C-alpha atoms as a PDB file:
ATOM      1  CA  MET A   1     -18.108   0.500 -12.411  1.00  0.00           C
ATOM      2  CA  GLY A   2     -17.253  -3.041 -11.500  1.00  0.00           C
ATOM      3  CA  GLY A   3     -13.543  -2.323 -11.532  1.00  0.00           C
ATOM      4  CA  VAL A   4     -13.678  -0.165  -8.443  1.00  0.00           C
ATOM      5  CA  LYS A   5     -13.847  -3.123  -6.069  1.00  0.00           C
ATOM      6  CA  ALA A   6     -10.603  -4.398  -7.536  1.00  0.00           C
ATOM      7  CA  LEU A   7      -9.003  -1.431  -5.854  1.00  0.00           C
ATOM      8  CA  THR A   8      -9.648  -2.892  -2.410  1.00  0.00           C
ATOM      9  CA  TRP A   9      -6.525  -4.996  -2.779  1.00  0.00           C
ATOM     10  CA  LEU A  10      -4.572  -1.784  -2.402  1.00  0.00           C
ATOM     11  CA  ALA A  11      -5.263  -1.907   1.270  1.00  0.00           C
ATOM     12  CA  LEU A  12      -3.094  -4.996   1.541  1.00  0.00           C
ATOM     13  CA  LEU A  13      -0.197  -2.789   0.618  1.00  0.00           C
ATOM     14  CA  VAL A  14      -0.585  -0.131   3.081  1.00  0.00           C
ATOM     15  CA  GLY A  15      -0.235  -1.002   6.731  1.00  0.00           C
ATOM     16  CA  ALA A  16       1.383   0.106   9.919  1.00  0.00           C
ATOM     17  CA  LEU A  17       4.525   1.728   8.556  1.00  0.00           C
ATOM     18  CA  THR A  18       6.179   1.609  11.917  1.00  0.00           C
ATOM     19  CA  VAL A  19       9.793   2.083  11.147  1.00  0.00           C
ATOM     20  CA  ALA A  20      12.975   1.418  13.067  1.00  0.00           C
ATOM     21  CA  ALA A  21      15.965   3.645  13.201  1.00  0.00           C
ATOM     22  CA  CYS A  22      18.704   1.043  13.092  1.00  0.00           C
ATOM     23  CA  GLY A  23      21.656   3.390  13.000  1.00  0.00           C
ATOM     24  CA  ASN A  24      23.410   5.019  10.099  1.00  0.00           C
ATOM     25  CA  ARG A  25      25.052   1.902   8.731  1.00  0.00           C
ATOM     26  CA  ALA A  26      23.626  -1.332   7.425  1.00  0.00           C
ATOM     27  CA  PRO A  27      24.893  -4.554   8.971  1.00  0.00           C
ATOM     28  CA  ALA A  28      27.719  -6.253   7.085  1.00  0.00           C
ATOM     29  CA  THR A  29      25.686  -9.465   7.025  1.00  0.00           C
ATOM     30  CA  PRO A  30      22.054  -8.994   5.951  1.00  0.00           C
ATOM     31  CA  PRO A  31      19.272 -10.097   8.286  1.00  0.00           C
ATOM     32  CA  THR A  32      17.081 -13.040   7.358  1.00  0.00           C
ATOM     33  CA  ALA A  33      14.198 -12.450   4.951  1.00  0.00           C
ATOM     34  CA  ALA A  34      11.681 -12.647   7.801  1.00  0.00           C
ATOM     35  CA  GLU A  35      13.674 -10.135   9.859  1.00  0.00           C
ATOM     36  CA  ILE A  36      13.781  -7.734   6.905  1.00  0.00           C
ATOM     37  CA  LEU A  37       9.997  -7.871   6.493  1.00  0.00           C
ATOM     38  CA  ASN A  38       9.601  -7.116  10.194  1.00  0.00           C
ATOM     39  CA  LYS A  39      11.837  -4.042  10.206  1.00  0.00           C
ATOM     40  CA  PRO A  40       9.113  -1.568   9.147  1.00  0.00           C
ATOM     41  CA  TYR A  41       7.201  -2.473  12.326  1.00  0.00           C
ATOM     42  CA  THR A  42       9.846  -2.007  14.995  1.00  0.00           C
ATOM     43  CA  ALA A  43       9.654   1.732  15.637  1.00  0.00           C
ATOM     44  CA  ALA A  44       7.412   4.700  14.880  1.00  0.00           C
ATOM     45  CA  VAL A  45       6.729   6.479  11.615  1.00  0.00           C
ATOM     46  CA  GLN A  46       3.885   8.955  11.798  1.00  0.00           C
ATOM     47  CA  ASP A  47       2.954   8.979   8.111  1.00  0.00           C
ATOM     48  CA  ALA A  48       4.289   8.082   4.669  1.00  0.00           C
ATOM     49  CA  HIS A  49       3.504   9.191   1.130  1.00  0.00           C
ATOM     50  CA  PHE A  50       3.629   6.797  -1.817  1.00  0.00           C
ATOM     51  CA  SER A  51       3.202   6.943  -5.567  1.00  0.00           C
ATOM     52  CA  LEU A  52       1.597   4.012  -7.336  1.00  0.00           C
ATOM     53  CA  VAL A  53       1.356   2.319 -10.704  1.00  0.00           C
ATOM     54  CA  ALA A  54      -1.258  -0.390 -11.206  1.00  0.00           C
ATOM     55  CA  HIS A  55      -2.804  -2.718 -13.728  1.00  0.00           C
ATOM     56  CA  VAL A  56      -6.265  -3.635 -12.500  1.00  0.00           C
ATOM     57  CA  VAL A  57      -8.247  -6.620 -13.765  1.00  0.00           C
ATOM     58  CA  SER A  58     -11.801  -7.246 -12.574  1.00  0.00           C
ATOM     59  CA  GLY A  59     -13.920  -9.668 -14.563  1.00  0.00           C
ATOM     60  CA  ASN A  60     -13.819  -8.550 -18.182  1.00  0.00           C
ATOM     61  CA  ILE A  61     -12.550  -5.082 -17.267  1.00  0.00           C
ATOM     62  CA  ALA A  62      -8.844  -4.238 -17.298  1.00  0.00           C
ATOM     63  CA  PHE A  63      -7.090  -0.889 -17.104  1.00  0.00           C
ATOM     64  CA  ASP A  64      -3.800   0.754 -16.196  1.00  0.00           C
ATOM     65  CA  ALA A  65      -3.790   3.452 -13.528  1.00  0.00           C
ATOM     66  CA  THR A  66      -1.438   5.798 -11.714  1.00  0.00           C
ATOM     67  CA  GLY A  67      -1.836   7.800  -8.564  1.00  0.00           C
ATOM     68  CA  ASP A  68      -0.585   8.410  -5.071  1.00  0.00           C
ATOM     69  CA  GLY A  69      -1.603   8.053  -1.476  1.00  0.00           C
ATOM     70  CA  VAL A  70      -0.779   8.578   2.168  1.00  0.00           C
ATOM     71  CA  LEU A  71      -0.519   6.152   5.035  1.00  0.00           C
ATOM     72  CA  VAL A  72      -0.993   7.489   8.573  1.00  0.00           C
ATOM     73  CA  VAL A  73       0.261   5.305  11.415  1.00  0.00           C
ATOM     74  CA  LYS A  74      -0.404   7.480  14.465  1.00  0.00           C
ATOM     75  CA  PRO A  75      -2.574   8.400  16.251  1.00  0.00           C
ATOM     76  CA  GLN A  76      -4.841   6.055  14.243  1.00  0.00           C
ATOM     77  CA  GLN A  77      -3.903   3.750  11.390  1.00  0.00           C
ATOM     78  CA  ALA A  78      -5.500   4.961   8.175  1.00  0.00           C
ATOM     79  CA  MET A  79      -4.830   5.208   4.468  1.00  0.00           C
ATOM     80  CA  LYS A  80      -6.127   7.135   1.495  1.00  0.00           C
ATOM     81  CA  PHE A  81      -5.212   7.027  -2.171  1.00  0.00           C
ATOM     82  CA  THR A  82      -6.326   8.314  -5.544  1.00  0.00           C
ATOM     83  CA  MET A  83      -6.008   6.506  -8.864  1.00  0.00           C
ATOM     84  CA  MET A  84      -6.496   7.949 -12.346  1.00  0.00           C
ATOM     85  CA  THR A  85      -7.036   6.037 -15.571  1.00  0.00           C
ATOM     86  CA  THR A  86      -8.287   6.615 -19.102  1.00  0.00           C
ATOM     87  CA  PHE A  87     -11.002   4.156 -20.078  1.00  0.00           C
ATOM     88  CA  SER A  88     -12.823   4.274 -23.439  1.00  0.00           C
ATOM     89  CA  GLY A  89     -11.502   7.778 -23.984  1.00  0.00           C
ATOM     90  CA  GLN A  90     -12.640   9.088 -20.604  1.00  0.00           C
ATOM     91  CA  VAL A  91     -10.431  10.120 -17.689  1.00  0.00           C
ATOM     92  CA  LEU A  92     -11.698   8.369 -14.569  1.00  0.00           C
ATOM     93  CA  LYS A  93     -10.789   9.036 -10.961  1.00  0.00           C
ATOM     94  CA  PHE A  94     -11.093   6.572  -8.086  1.00  0.00           C
ATOM     95  CA  GLU A  95     -10.640   7.495  -4.426  1.00  0.00           C
ATOM     96  CA  THR A  96     -10.390   5.235  -1.398  1.00  0.00           C
ATOM     97  CA  ILE A  97     -10.174   5.962   2.327  1.00  0.00           C
ATOM     98  CA  ILE A  98      -9.561   3.191   4.864  1.00  0.00           C
ATOM     99  CA  ILE A  99     -10.015   4.114   8.504  1.00  0.00           C
ATOM    100  CA  GLY A 100     -11.645   2.703  11.621  1.00  0.00           C
ATOM    101  CA  GLY A 101     -12.219  -0.751  10.131  1.00  0.00           C
ATOM    102  CA  LYS A 102     -14.167   0.658   7.172  1.00  0.00           C
ATOM    103  CA  GLU A 103     -13.348   1.290   3.529  1.00  0.00           C
ATOM    104  CA  TYR A 104     -14.873   4.258   1.697  1.00  0.00           C
ATOM    105  CA  ALA A 105     -14.819   4.214  -2.117  1.00  0.00           C
ATOM    106  CA  LEU A 106     -15.669   6.989  -4.556  1.00  0.00           C
ATOM    107  CA  SER A 107     -15.837   6.297  -8.287  1.00  0.00           C
ATOM    108  CA  PRO A 108     -17.171   8.002 -11.426  1.00  0.00           C
ATOM    109  CA  ASP A 109     -20.389   5.954 -11.368  1.00  0.00           C
ATOM    110  CA  ASN A 110     -20.945   6.585  -7.636  1.00  0.00           C
ATOM    111  CA  PRO A 111     -21.057  10.312  -6.811  1.00  0.00           C
ATOM    112  CA  ARG A 112     -21.353   9.510  -3.084  1.00  0.00           C
ATOM    113  CA  TRP A 113     -18.982   7.425  -0.984  1.00  0.00           C
ATOM    114  CA  ILE A 114     -19.809   3.713  -0.665  1.00  0.00           C
ATOM    115  CA  VAL A 115     -18.764   2.239   2.679  1.00  0.00           C
ATOM    116  CA  THR A 116     -17.925  -1.405   3.392  1.00  0.00           C
ATOM    117  CA  SER A 117     -16.208  -3.260   6.208  1.00  0.00           C
ATOM    118  CA  SER A 118     -12.445  -3.469   5.639  1.00  0.00           C
ATOM    119  CA  SER A 119     -11.755  -6.021   8.353  1.00  0.00           C
ATOM    120  CA  SER A 120     -11.398  -8.966   5.995  1.00  0.00           C
ATOM    121  CA  SER A 121      -9.694  -7.549   2.910  1.00  0.00           C
ATOM    122  CA  SER A 122      -8.501  -4.018   3.575  1.00  0.00           C
ATOM    123  CA  ASN A 123      -6.225  -3.832   6.559  1.00  0.00           C
ATOM    124  CA  PRO A 124      -3.766  -0.945   6.895  1.00  0.00           C
ATOM    125  CA  SER A 125      -1.637  -3.023   9.258  1.00  0.00           C
ATOM    126  CA  SER A 126      -0.851  -5.760   6.733  1.00  0.00           C
ATOM    127  CA  LEU A 127       1.875  -4.046   4.709  1.00  0.00           C
ATOM    128  CA  PHE A 128       5.022  -6.136   4.361  1.00  0.00           C
ATOM    129  CA  LYS A 129       3.544  -8.981   6.388  1.00  0.00           C
ATOM    130  CA  GLY A 130       4.089 -12.247   4.556  1.00  0.00           C
ATOM    131  CA  SER A 131       5.016 -15.912   4.643  1.00  0.00           C
ATOM    132  CA  ASN A 132       7.502 -18.055   2.704  1.00  0.00           C
ATOM    133  CA  ALA A 133       9.893 -15.117   2.630  1.00  0.00           C
ATOM    134  CA  THR A 134      13.141 -15.450   0.680  1.00  0.00           C
ATOM    135  CA  TYR A 135      16.042 -13.028   0.460  1.00  0.00           C
ATOM    136  CA  VAL A 136      16.804 -11.933  -3.111  1.00  0.00           C
ATOM    137  CA  GLY A 137      19.755  -9.623  -2.508  1.00  0.00           C
ATOM    138  CA  GLU A 138      20.856  -6.013  -2.227  1.00  0.00           C
ATOM    139  CA  GLU A 139      19.679  -3.442  -4.748  1.00  0.00           C
ATOM    140  CA  THR A 140      19.983   0.294  -5.219  1.00  0.00           C
ATOM    141  CA  VAL A 141      16.701   2.168  -5.649  1.00  0.00           C
ATOM    142  CA  PRO A 142      16.258   5.968  -5.884  1.00  0.00           C
ATOM    143  CA  GLN A 143      15.764   6.250  -2.112  1.00  0.00           C
ATOM    144  CA  GLY A 144      18.909   4.318  -1.205  1.00  0.00           C
ATOM    145  CA  ARG A 145      20.469   0.901  -0.823  1.00  0.00           C
ATOM    146  CA  ALA A 146      17.831  -1.723  -0.027  1.00  0.00           C
ATOM    147  CA  TRP A 147      17.331  -5.358   0.845  1.00  0.00           C
ATOM    148  CA  HIS A 148      15.009  -7.133  -1.607  1.00  0.00           C
ATOM    149  CA  VAL A 149      12.701  -9.882  -0.320  1.00  0.00           C
ATOM    150  CA  LYS A 150      10.033 -12.033  -1.971  1.00  0.00           C
ATOM    151  CA  ALA A 151       7.082 -13.435   0.004  1.00  0.00           C
ATOM    152  CA  LYS A 152       3.356 -14.167  -0.076  1.00  0.00           C
ATOM    153  CA  ASP A 153       0.626 -12.143   1.611  1.00  0.00           C
ATOM    154  CA  ALA A 154      -2.229 -13.480   3.739  1.00  0.00           C
ATOM    155  CA  GLN A 155      -4.259 -14.280   0.621  1.00  0.00           C
ATOM    156  CA  GLY A 156      -1.393 -16.193  -0.979  1.00  0.00           C
ATOM    157  CA  ASN A 157      -0.543 -13.489  -3.504  1.00  0.00           C
ATOM    158  CA  PRO A 158       3.193 -13.051  -4.231  1.00  0.00           C
ATOM    159  CA  PHE A 159       4.842  -9.726  -3.493  1.00  0.00           C
ATOM    160  CA  ASP A 160       8.294  -8.139  -3.530  1.00  0.00           C
ATOM    161  CA  ALA A 161       9.461  -5.747  -0.840  1.00  0.00           C
ATOM    162  CA  TRP A 162      12.426  -3.394  -0.691  1.00  0.00           C
ATOM    163  CA  VAL A 163      13.550  -2.167   2.750  1.00  0.00           C
ATOM    164  CA  ARG A 164      16.267   0.442   3.230  1.00  0.00           C
ATOM    165  CA  GLU A 165      19.360  -1.016   4.849  1.00  0.00           C
ATOM    166  CA  THR A 166      20.360   2.005   6.910  1.00  0.00           C
ATOM    167  CA  ASP A 167      17.125   2.573   8.825  1.00  0.00           C
ATOM    168  CA  GLY A 168      14.553  -0.118   8.002  1.00  0.00           C
ATOM    169  CA  TYR A 169      12.275   2.244   6.061  1.00  0.00           C
ATOM    170  CA  PRO A 170       9.992   0.549   3.504  1.00  0.00           C
ATOM    171  CA  LEU A 171      10.926   1.894   0.079  1.00  0.00           C
ATOM    172  CA  LYS A 172       8.993  -0.146  -2.454  1.00  0.00           C
ATOM    173  CA  TYR A 173       6.289  -2.802  -2.637  1.00  0.00           C
ATOM    174  CA  ALA A 174       5.185  -4.714  -5.742  1.00  0.00           C
ATOM    175  CA  SER A 175       2.414  -7.298  -5.784  1.00  0.00           C
ATOM    176  CA  MET A 176       0.556  -9.516  -8.232  1.00  0.00           C
ATOM    177  CA  MET A 177      -3.042 -10.242  -7.361  1.00  0.00           C
ATOM    178  CA  THR A 178      -5.559 -12.741  -8.683  1.00  0.00           C
ATOM    179  CA  GLN A 179      -6.750 -12.356 -12.285  1.00  0.00           C
ATOM    180  CA  GLY A 180      -3.523 -10.574 -13.188  1.00  0.00           C
ATOM    181  CA  SER A 181      -3.840  -7.308 -11.271  1.00  0.00           C
ATOM    182  CA  THR A 182      -0.455  -5.797 -10.392  1.00  0.00           C
ATOM    183  CA  PHE A 183       0.540  -2.932  -8.142  1.00  0.00           C
ATOM    184  CA  VAL A 184       3.766  -1.075  -7.424  1.00  0.00           C
ATOM    185  CA  ALA A 185       3.954   1.406  -4.531  1.00  0.00           C
ATOM    186  CA  THR A 186       7.039   3.578  -4.100  1.00  0.00           C
ATOM    187  CA  PHE A 187       7.452   5.371  -0.770  1.00  0.00           C
ATOM    188  CA  ASP A 188       9.199   8.715  -1.000  1.00  0.00           C
ATOM    189  CA  ARG A 189       8.261  11.060   1.868  1.00  0.00           C
ATOM    190  CA  PHE A 190       7.870  10.358   5.574  1.00  0.00           C
ATOM    191  CA  ASN A 191       6.582  12.259   8.620  1.00  0.00           C
ATOM    192  CA  THR A 192       5.085  15.242   6.803  1.00  0.00           C
ATOM    193  CA  GLY A 193       2.173  15.713   9.220  1.00  0.00           C
ATOM    194  CA  GLN A 194      -0.543  14.132   7.079  1.00  0.00           C
ATOM    195  CA  THR A 195      -3.984  13.424   8.566  1.00  0.00           C
ATOM    196  CA  ILE A 196      -6.877  11.295   7.313  1.00  0.00           C
ATOM    197  CA  ALA A 197     -10.562  11.434   8.246  1.00  0.00           C
ATOM    198  CA  ALA A 198     -13.640   9.542   7.138  1.00  0.00           C
ATOM    199  CA  PRO A 199     -15.947  11.346   4.683  1.00  0.00           C
ATOM    200  CA  PRO A 200     -18.816  13.386   6.161  1.00  0.00           C
ATOM    201  CA  THR A 201     -21.938  11.332   6.808  1.00  0.00           C
ATOM    202  CA  SER A 202     -23.870  13.510   4.365  1.00  0.00           C
ATOM    203  CA  ASP A 203     -21.527  12.421   1.569  1.00  0.00           C
ATOM    204  CA  ILE A 204     -21.936   8.674   2.198  1.00  0.00           C
ATOM    205  CA  GLN A 205     -24.442   6.617   0.218  1.00  0.00           C
ATOM    206  CA  PRO A 206     -27.103   5.132   2.519  1.00  0.00           C
END
């Protein structure tokens, strides 16, 4: 269905979750907004799990979806996620894998994986990278005390980011894309030994 390509924007959310251990206490004075956005890139996280809630708009199609995914930072940056939605009374499942500069998409109307280049729109290293960053303040989220920052991604879409004060871990990311699509990713588990691989060649649509 046409809505599946709208899911490619998810890749803007998931990037190199390289995380710094900044000690057990947050600084008394918060860093600048730009410094906060950079914190997830200053040390090494192997992998991170996230849950997601989305409202996807593509042309005249719009739907709400939920799901989860995994970002792997090392040894190779990669991401996979699954989204579920009910559309016209049917439960639909969408799967995406981003690895090695390619994006693989599986949807109800495509029983085999469709592969496209992800170099321009789906980059696992772009998470939390933004311009025009402004510091909103401190907030408490389920995973801890966090700095809240607003910024714009490389495509000019606004996003909000929450970064844990004690260690620089990314805790939450919320974005609004063109045509009204929205996405909220909540990170909850780190370094659980996840791995990601591209689909078998036999399962990819020629």
